[in-house]
Structure formats: C-alpha cells, structure tokens
Amino acid sequence: MKPDSRVVSFEERMATVEFRIAEHAHITVDTEVCSSCTTRECVTACPANLFAQTAAGGILFNYEQCFECGTCYMVCNKAGAISWSYPQGGFGVVFRRG
C-alpha cells in the first residue's frame, strides 16, 4: 500500500453512488427454478449483497441498489432462473465523484 493511500470503507464507496429506481425491476428471479438450486451462487457472488436465501429455501432479490454488473446472471447455474437486462433509460446506478 502506498504511504499516501488509505482504505476506503464500503459505506464511503456507497456514498458516491446514486440509484435512480425504476418502477419495474431489470432483473427477475424465477423462484420455481431457484427452489431446486443447490449452490445459491447468486447469493454469494452479488457484490451488493442483493440476493438472500429465505427460510423456506427460496431466493429474495432486491433490485433497488443493483450495480448492474451482471454477476448474478453470469454465475447462475440454472437456465432461465435469472432474467437480466439494463434498467430503462434514465434509471439504475449513477456513479458520482466522491
């Protein structure tokens, strides 16, 4: 680490991000398909921690603070479980200078 550099906390990084929330989610999760998944890769891979396993074995997804990275779509091992697209124009993540 350089002497003049410092570690930036997750909270500080999130303060540089704005989310313009669309009325409809740009990611949909097919809970029927997810119910038979044994790896839950979307839960562990999402950098924003937006996927959570329910007590009943399902998956909850919160799209409001999605970074739009596509990680969930790339790691999902069940065909058709996750449908991903960019948010409609003017919505989604906006990175600001800190």
Protein backbone atom coordinates (compact mmCIF):
# COMPACT_ATOMS: atom_id res chain seq x y z
CA MET A 1 0.00 0.00 0.00
CA LYS A 2 1.32 3.45 -0.89
CA PRO A 3 2.06 5.70 2.11
CA ASP A 4 -0.46 8.34 0.97
CA SER A 5 -3.25 5.88 0.11
CA ARG A 6 -5.96 4.83 2.55
CA VAL A 7 -8.54 2.12 2.72
CA VAL A 8 -11.98 3.32 1.65
CA SER A 9 -14.85 1.72 3.54
CA PHE A 10 -17.84 0.16 1.82
CA GLU A 11 -20.03 2.90 3.29
CA GLU A 12 -17.76 5.62 1.84
CA ARG A 13 -17.87 3.96 -1.57
CA MET A 14 -21.66 3.66 -1.44
CA ALA A 15 -21.88 7.38 -0.66
CA THR A 16 -20.52 8.00 -4.17
CA VAL A 17 -23.33 6.04 -5.82
CA GLU A 18 -26.84 7.18 -6.63
CA PHE A 19 -29.61 4.75 -7.57
CA ARG A 20 -32.45 6.01 -9.73
CA ILE A 21 -35.03 3.36 -9.04
CA ALA A 22 -37.29 2.28 -11.88
CA GLU A 23 -40.84 1.15 -11.23
CA HIS A 24 -40.09 -2.30 -12.66
CA ALA A 25 -37.09 -4.48 -11.81
CA HIS A 26 -34.49 -5.03 -14.53
CA ILE A 27 -33.74 -8.43 -13.02
CA THR A 28 -36.33 -11.08 -12.37
CA VAL A 29 -35.75 -14.28 -10.46
CA ASP A 30 -37.79 -17.40 -11.24
CA THR A 31 -38.38 -18.80 -7.76
CA GLU A 32 -39.62 -22.11 -9.17
CA VAL A 33 -36.27 -22.72 -10.87
CA CYS A 34 -34.33 -21.41 -7.85
CA SER A 35 -36.05 -23.78 -5.46
CA SER A 36 -34.10 -26.73 -6.91
CA CYS A 37 -30.73 -24.92 -6.94
CA THR A 38 -28.18 -26.36 -4.55
CA THR A 39 -25.33 -23.87 -4.97
CA ARG A 40 -27.04 -20.47 -4.47
CA GLU A 41 -24.24 -18.83 -6.44
CA CYS A 42 -26.21 -15.60 -6.90
CA VAL A 43 -26.35 -15.17 -3.10
CA THR A 44 -22.60 -15.44 -2.66
CA ALA A 45 -21.49 -13.69 -5.86
CA CYS A 46 -23.55 -10.49 -5.83
CA PRO A 47 -21.15 -7.67 -4.85
CA ALA A 48 -24.03 -5.59 -3.47
CA ASN A 49 -25.47 -8.50 -1.42
CA LEU A 50 -28.90 -8.12 -3.02
CA PHE A 51 -29.80 -11.82 -3.03
CA ALA A 52 -30.84 -13.65 0.13
CA GLN A 53 -31.96 -17.18 0.80
CA THR A 54 -35.29 -17.46 2.62
CA ALA A 55 -36.05 -19.88 5.44
CA ALA A 56 -38.37 -21.70 3.02
CA GLY A 57 -35.48 -22.28 0.60
CA GLY A 58 -36.37 -19.59 -1.90
CA ILE A 59 -34.44 -16.55 -3.05
CA LEU A 60 -35.31 -12.92 -2.37
CA PHE A 61 -33.87 -10.27 -4.67
CA ASN A 62 -33.78 -6.54 -4.04
CA TYR A 63 -33.08 -4.67 -7.31
CA GLU A 64 -33.10 -1.14 -5.88
CA GLN A 65 -29.35 -0.94 -5.21
CA CYS A 66 -28.09 -3.09 -8.07
CA PHE A 67 -24.74 -2.13 -9.61
CA GLU A 68 -25.86 -3.64 -12.96
CA CYS A 69 -22.71 -5.73 -13.17
CA GLY A 70 -24.46 -8.89 -14.42
CA THR A 71 -22.63 -11.15 -11.98
CA CYS A 72 -25.81 -12.92 -10.90
CA TYR A 73 -26.69 -13.67 -14.50
CA MET A 74 -23.20 -14.97 -15.24
CA VAL A 75 -22.91 -17.29 -12.22
CA CYS A 76 -26.43 -18.66 -12.12
CA ASN A 77 -26.22 -22.36 -12.82
CA LYS A 78 -29.91 -22.89 -13.61
CA ALA A 79 -31.01 -21.95 -17.11
CA GLY A 80 -33.74 -19.36 -17.03
CA ALA A 81 -33.64 -18.69 -13.30
CA ILE A 82 -32.44 -15.11 -13.73
CA SER A 83 -33.55 -12.73 -16.47
CA TRP A 84 -31.31 -9.68 -16.64
CA SER A 85 -31.41 -6.50 -18.71
CA TYR A 86 -30.31 -2.91 -18.26
CA PRO A 87 -32.81 -0.65 -16.49
CA GLN A 88 -34.97 1.55 -18.68
CA GLY A 89 -33.38 4.84 -19.78
CA GLY A 90 -32.61 7.30 -17.01
CA PHE A 91 -32.81 4.67 -14.25
CA GLY A 92 -30.30 2.48 -12.48
CA VAL A 93 -26.93 3.13 -10.93
CA VAL A 94 -25.20 6.51 -11.32
CA PHE A 95 -21.61 6.80 -10.13
CA ARG A 96 -20.64 10.20 -8.80
CA ARG A 97 -17.24 11.54 -7.96
CA GLY A 98 -16.56 11.31 -4.24
